[in-house]
N, C-alpha and C. Protein backbone atom coordinates (compact mmCIF):
# COMPACT_ATOMS: atom_id res chain seq x y z
N MET A 1 111.50 54.48 137.86
CA MET A 1 110.23 54.24 138.70
C MET A 1 110.89 55.05 139.80
N PRO A 2 110.05 55.68 140.70
CA PRO A 2 111.29 56.52 141.96
C PRO A 2 110.39 55.56 143.59
N ARG A 3 111.35 55.80 144.22
CA ARG A 3 111.36 55.46 145.23
C ARG A 3 110.11 55.71 146.57
N SER A 4 109.91 54.36 146.76
CA SER A 4 108.15 54.44 147.23
C SER A 4 108.37 54.38 148.50
N VAL A 5 107.88 56.09 149.42
CA VAL A 5 108.35 55.99 150.54
C VAL A 5 107.37 56.38 151.51
N ASN A 6 106.63 55.89 152.95
CA ASN A 6 105.50 56.35 153.29
C ASN A 6 105.87 57.48 154.25
N HIS A 7 105.74 58.62 153.79
CA HIS A 7 106.10 59.75 154.87
C HIS A 7 105.32 59.56 155.73
N VAL A 8 104.02 59.66 155.04
CA VAL A 8 102.62 59.74 155.96
C VAL A 8 102.39 59.17 157.64
N ALA A 9 103.17 57.95 156.86
CA ALA A 9 103.63 57.07 158.55
C ALA A 9 104.08 57.47 159.61
N SER A 10 105.21 57.11 158.80
CA SER A 10 106.81 58.16 159.34
C SER A 10 106.56 59.88 160.88
N ARG A 11 105.72 60.07 159.24
CA ARG A 11 105.35 61.67 160.20
C ARG A 11 104.36 61.49 161.20
N VAL A 12 103.76 60.30 161.43
CA VAL A 12 102.77 60.59 162.22
C VAL A 12 103.77 59.62 163.76
N ARG A 13 104.40 58.87 163.42
CA ARG A 13 105.38 59.06 164.42
C ARG A 13 106.53 59.70 165.27
N ARG A 14 106.80 60.45 164.19
CA ARG A 14 107.59 61.39 164.49
C ARG A 14 106.26 62.29 165.78
N LYS A 15 105.48 62.02 165.32
CA LYS A 15 104.19 63.63 165.79
C LYS A 15 104.29 63.51 167.23
N ASN A 16 103.89 61.18 167.03
CA ASN A 16 103.85 61.14 168.57
C ASN A 16 104.96 60.96 169.46
N MET A 17 105.76 60.83 168.73
CA MET A 17 107.19 61.34 169.69
C MET A 17 107.21 62.21 170.31
N MET A 18 107.29 62.84 169.75
CA MET A 18 107.42 64.64 169.75
C MET A 18 106.29 65.25 170.94
N LYS A 19 104.68 64.90 171.17
CA LYS A 19 103.92 64.74 172.12
C LYS A 19 104.23 63.91 173.20
N MET A 20 105.28 63.33 173.06
CA MET A 20 105.47 62.45 174.24
C MET A 20 106.88 63.34 174.97
N ALA A 21 107.53 64.60 174.09
CA ALA A 21 108.28 65.07 174.54
C ALA A 21 107.70 66.65 175.39
N LYS A 22 106.54 66.77 175.27
CA LYS A 22 106.45 68.18 176.04
C LYS A 22 106.51 68.28 177.16
N GLY A 23 106.93 68.75 177.88
CA GLY A 23 107.17 68.93 179.13
C GLY A 23 109.31 69.48 179.81
N TYR A 24 109.31 69.15 178.39
CA TYR A 24 111.15 68.82 178.59
C TYR A 24 111.28 70.22 178.05
N PHE A 25 112.66 70.08 178.75
CA PHE A 25 113.12 71.51 178.80
C PHE A 25 114.14 71.16 177.78
N GLY A 26 114.36 72.93 177.31
CA GLY A 26 115.09 73.18 176.27
C GLY A 26 114.84 72.10 174.43
N ARG A 27 116.16 71.88 173.75
CA ARG A 27 116.12 71.21 172.82
C ARG A 27 115.27 70.08 173.03
N ARG A 28 115.77 69.24 174.28
CA ARG A 28 114.48 67.94 173.87
C ARG A 28 113.35 68.02 173.82
N LYS A 29 112.34 69.13 174.18
CA LYS A 29 111.01 69.44 173.23
C LYS A 29 110.96 69.46 171.85
N ASN A 30 111.75 70.00 171.46
CA ASN A 30 112.00 70.24 170.16
C ASN A 30 112.36 70.18 168.58
N VAL A 31 113.94 69.46 169.22
CA VAL A 31 114.85 69.00 168.02
C VAL A 31 114.71 67.49 168.14
N TRP A 32 114.22 66.77 167.20
CA TRP A 32 113.64 65.51 166.23
C TRP A 32 114.62 64.07 167.90
N THR A 33 116.43 64.46 167.24
CA THR A 33 116.96 63.23 167.18
C THR A 33 117.61 63.21 169.12
N VAL A 34 117.25 64.90 169.78
CA VAL A 34 117.24 65.02 170.88
C VAL A 34 115.76 64.63 171.75
N ALA A 35 115.21 65.00 171.32
CA ALA A 35 114.17 64.88 171.73
C ALA A 35 113.64 63.08 171.81
N LYS A 36 113.83 62.49 170.54
CA LYS A 36 113.95 61.05 170.83
C LYS A 36 114.89 60.28 171.42
N ASN A 37 115.91 60.68 171.46
CA ASN A 37 117.12 59.91 172.43
C ASN A 37 116.45 60.60 174.14
N ALA A 38 115.61 61.04 174.27
CA ALA A 38 115.26 61.62 175.75
C ALA A 38 114.38 60.51 176.53
N ILE A 39 113.25 60.72 175.30
CA ILE A 39 112.21 60.25 175.26
C ILE A 39 112.27 57.98 175.51
N GLU A 40 113.52 57.64 174.90
CA GLU A 40 113.80 56.37 174.71
C GLU A 40 113.93 55.99 175.97
N LYS A 41 115.45 57.67 176.43
CA LYS A 41 115.89 57.25 178.26
C LYS A 41 115.01 56.98 178.85
N GLY A 42 113.32 58.64 178.80
CA GLY A 42 112.75 57.97 179.53
C GLY A 42 111.58 56.80 179.91
N LEU A 43 111.64 55.94 178.83
CA LEU A 43 110.73 55.50 179.12
C LEU A 43 111.57 54.21 178.92
N GLY A 44 112.83 53.92 179.15
CA GLY A 44 113.74 52.61 180.34
C GLY A 44 113.51 53.46 181.45
N TYR A 45 113.64 54.71 181.68
CA TYR A 45 113.60 54.50 183.52
C TYR A 45 112.16 54.52 183.65
N ALA A 46 111.12 54.48 183.11
CA ALA A 46 109.75 53.38 183.73
C ALA A 46 109.42 52.88 183.81
N TYR A 47 110.11 51.70 183.21
CA TYR A 47 110.15 50.68 182.88
C TYR A 47 110.55 49.82 184.31
N VAL A 48 111.75 50.65 184.36
CA VAL A 48 112.29 49.75 185.34
C VAL A 48 111.94 50.66 186.99
N GLY A 49 111.61 51.62 186.88
CA GLY A 49 110.66 52.26 187.83
C GLY A 49 109.61 51.61 188.49
N ARG A 50 108.61 51.16 187.22
CA ARG A 50 107.38 50.07 187.90
C ARG A 50 107.99 49.34 188.39
N LYS A 51 109.33 48.55 188.24
CA LYS A 51 109.69 47.23 189.03
C LYS A 51 110.08 47.60 190.37
N GLN A 52 110.29 48.39 190.18
CA GLN A 52 111.41 49.31 191.66
C GLN A 52 110.62 49.85 192.61
N LYS A 53 109.44 50.28 191.73
CA LYS A 53 107.67 50.75 192.80
C LYS A 53 107.47 49.32 194.23
N LYS A 54 107.63 48.39 193.23
CA LYS A 54 107.31 46.73 193.97
C LYS A 54 107.91 46.49 195.35
N ARG A 55 109.24 46.67 194.68
CA ARG A 55 110.26 46.80 195.98
C ARG A 55 110.39 47.50 196.73
N ASN A 56 110.11 48.68 196.73
CA ASN A 56 110.05 49.86 197.49
C ASN A 56 108.54 49.77 198.31
N PHE A 57 107.87 49.19 197.65
CA PHE A 57 106.47 49.71 199.02
C PHE A 57 106.84 47.90 199.83
N ARG A 58 107.04 47.38 198.90
CA ARG A 58 107.38 45.57 199.78
C ARG A 58 108.53 45.43 201.01
N SER A 59 109.85 46.58 200.99
CA SER A 59 110.08 47.17 201.84
C SER A 59 109.81 48.25 202.69
N LEU A 60 108.53 49.34 202.07
CA LEU A 60 108.31 50.22 203.61
C LEU A 60 107.01 49.48 204.43
N TRP A 61 106.80 48.08 203.62
CA TRP A 61 105.47 47.26 204.77
C TRP A 61 106.03 46.68 205.80
N ILE A 62 107.66 45.81 205.35
CA ILE A 62 108.62 45.31 206.29
C ILE A 62 108.72 45.99 206.99
N VAL A 63 108.82 47.26 207.15
CA VAL A 63 109.66 48.03 208.41
C VAL A 63 107.93 48.12 208.58
N ARG A 64 107.23 48.71 208.59
CA ARG A 64 106.16 49.19 209.20
C ARG A 64 105.92 47.67 209.75
N ILE A 65 105.62 46.71 209.25
CA ILE A 65 105.38 45.75 210.55
C ILE A 65 106.33 45.25 211.28
N ASN A 66 107.52 44.95 210.86
CA ASN A 66 108.59 45.27 211.91
C ASN A 66 108.45 46.25 212.85
N ALA A 67 107.87 47.80 213.01
CA ALA A 67 107.80 48.91 214.39
C ALA A 67 107.19 47.90 214.85
N GLY A 68 105.28 47.98 214.63
CA GLY A 68 104.46 47.28 215.04
C GLY A 68 104.79 46.05 215.79
N ALA A 69 105.64 44.81 215.35
CA ALA A 69 106.06 43.35 216.15
C ALA A 69 107.08 44.08 217.36
N ARG A 70 107.50 45.33 217.06
CA ARG A 70 108.62 45.19 218.34
C ARG A 70 107.51 46.09 219.16
N GLN A 71 107.29 46.32 218.83
CA GLN A 71 106.47 48.03 220.37
C GLN A 71 105.72 46.15 221.18
N HIS A 72 105.13 44.83 220.20
CA HIS A 72 104.89 43.71 221.33
C HIS A 72 105.99 42.61 221.98
N GLY A 73 106.98 42.94 221.60
CA GLY A 73 108.66 41.93 221.93
C GLY A 73 108.37 40.93 220.90
N MET A 74 108.17 41.19 219.95
CA MET A 74 108.47 40.16 218.82
C MET A 74 110.03 41.00 217.72
N THR A 75 110.24 40.14 217.34
CA THR A 75 111.12 41.40 215.59
C THR A 75 110.38 40.35 214.39
N TYR A 76 110.51 41.16 212.98
CA TYR A 76 109.46 41.00 212.64
C TYR A 76 109.95 38.88 211.43
N SER A 77 111.39 39.00 212.02
CA SER A 77 110.72 37.44 211.04
C SER A 77 110.79 36.25 212.60
N GLN A 78 110.53 36.88 213.64
CA GLN A 78 109.83 35.75 214.34
C GLN A 78 108.33 36.18 214.50
N PHE A 79 107.82 37.26 214.42
CA PHE A 79 106.31 37.00 213.68
C PHE A 79 105.95 36.96 212.83
N MET A 80 106.78 37.22 212.12
CA MET A 80 106.03 36.37 210.29
C MET A 80 106.11 35.14 210.12
N GLY A 81 107.14 34.47 211.25
CA GLY A 81 107.89 33.29 211.75
C GLY A 81 106.26 32.41 212.10
N ALA A 82 105.93 33.28 213.13
CA ALA A 82 104.76 32.77 213.82
C ALA A 82 103.55 32.77 213.14
N LEU A 83 103.85 33.63 212.16
CA LEU A 83 102.62 33.88 211.36
C LEU A 83 101.75 32.84 210.05
N ASN A 84 102.98 32.60 209.73
CA ASN A 84 103.12 31.60 208.90
C ASN A 84 102.36 30.29 209.44
N LYS A 85 103.02 29.98 210.53
CA LYS A 85 103.13 28.48 211.56
C LYS A 85 101.11 28.22 212.12
N SER A 86 101.10 29.53 212.48
CA SER A 86 100.09 30.24 212.92
C SER A 86 98.27 29.84 211.22
N GLY A 87 99.05 29.90 210.05
CA GLY A 87 97.87 29.65 209.47
C GLY A 87 97.04 31.27 209.09
N VAL A 88 97.01 32.12 209.83
CA VAL A 88 96.58 33.40 209.66
C VAL A 88 97.23 33.72 207.82
N GLU A 89 96.10 34.10 206.71
CA GLU A 89 96.64 34.27 205.56
C GLU A 89 96.51 35.95 205.51
N LEU A 90 97.60 37.05 206.47
CA LEU A 90 97.72 38.82 205.70
C LEU A 90 98.73 38.26 205.46
N ASN A 91 98.45 40.07 204.20
CA ASN A 91 99.43 39.90 203.30
C ASN A 91 100.39 41.08 204.21
N ARG A 92 101.42 40.74 203.08
CA ARG A 92 102.36 42.82 204.12
C ARG A 92 101.91 44.07 204.13
N LYS A 93 100.80 43.79 203.10
CA LYS A 93 100.45 44.88 202.31
C LYS A 93 99.39 45.59 203.92
N ALA A 94 98.43 44.58 204.50
CA ALA A 94 97.21 44.39 204.99
C ALA A 94 97.91 44.98 206.78
N LEU A 95 99.10 43.80 206.55
CA LEU A 95 99.69 43.56 208.36
C LEU A 95 100.37 44.82 207.66
N ALA A 96 101.01 45.65 206.86
CA ALA A 96 101.37 46.75 207.31
C ALA A 96 99.83 48.40 207.90
N ASP A 97 99.01 48.09 207.21
CA ASP A 97 97.64 49.18 206.89
C ASP A 97 97.53 49.07 208.69
N LEU A 98 97.73 47.40 209.42
CA LEU A 98 97.47 47.82 210.50
C LEU A 98 97.52 48.33 211.12
N ALA A 99 99.37 48.39 211.39
CA ALA A 99 100.13 48.23 212.31
C ALA A 99 100.76 50.14 212.10
N LEU A 100 100.31 50.17 211.30
CA LEU A 100 100.52 51.85 210.84
C LEU A 100 98.73 52.54 211.56
N ASN A 101 97.99 52.21 210.82
CA ASN A 101 96.37 52.76 211.11
C ASN A 101 95.86 52.20 212.45
N HIS A 102 95.60 51.16 212.79
CA HIS A 102 94.83 50.16 213.96
C HIS A 102 95.46 49.42 214.20
N PRO A 103 96.49 49.66 215.40
CA PRO A 103 96.88 49.66 216.53
C PRO A 103 96.36 48.72 217.14
N ASP A 104 95.02 48.71 217.04
CA ASP A 104 94.39 47.12 218.26
C ASP A 104 94.28 46.14 217.66
N ALA A 105 93.83 46.82 216.41
CA ALA A 105 93.73 45.14 215.61
C ALA A 105 95.26 44.25 215.58
N PHE A 106 96.47 45.15 215.24
CA PHE A 106 97.94 44.86 214.74
C PHE A 106 98.56 44.17 216.31
N LYS A 107 97.87 44.64 217.18
CA LYS A 107 97.44 43.69 218.23
C LYS A 107 96.92 42.22 218.77
N ALA A 108 95.89 42.25 218.17
CA ALA A 108 95.47 41.59 218.41
C ALA A 108 95.63 40.29 217.37
N VAL A 109 96.16 40.26 216.59
CA VAL A 109 96.80 39.77 214.99
C VAL A 109 98.32 39.17 216.10
N VAL A 110 98.79 39.79 216.43
CA VAL A 110 100.70 39.75 217.29
C VAL A 110 99.91 38.41 218.86
N ASP A 111 98.71 38.87 219.29
CA ASP A 111 98.40 38.33 220.81
C ASP A 111 97.45 36.81 220.12
N SER A 112 96.57 36.73 218.67
CA SER A 112 96.84 35.38 217.94
C SER A 112 97.63 34.27 217.91
N VAL A 113 98.42 35.36 217.42
CA VAL A 113 100.02 34.24 216.62
C VAL A 113 100.64 34.31 217.96
N LYS A 114 100.75 34.80 219.05
CA LYS A 114 102.31 34.60 220.02
C LYS A 114 101.49 33.24 220.68
N LYS A 115 100.28 32.56 221.49
CA LYS A 115 99.31 31.68 221.69
C LYS A 115 100.04 30.68 221.09
């Protein structure tokens, strides 16, 4: 009895992978083994990149809050400590937005924290 191999499913799998390789340069887009390796590496980078994105944004927010706080005579560390003590529940994303786009509102937050 001949060996049963599901060619339909394996072809679909290869076809989907080759679809993911669209836009790659050279043999990465049309040679199966090269494309498969490139896609797997790319998916790994994408997974790591999603984690790094969160880190990068948090550090950007911290830089912006620090710059805003220093304009009002405080460091980032002092400002965040006072913010937590005063019970103001604004996250870093909101604080960074205030510091960058609404300096008057950020000044009001800093003044409320200083008291």
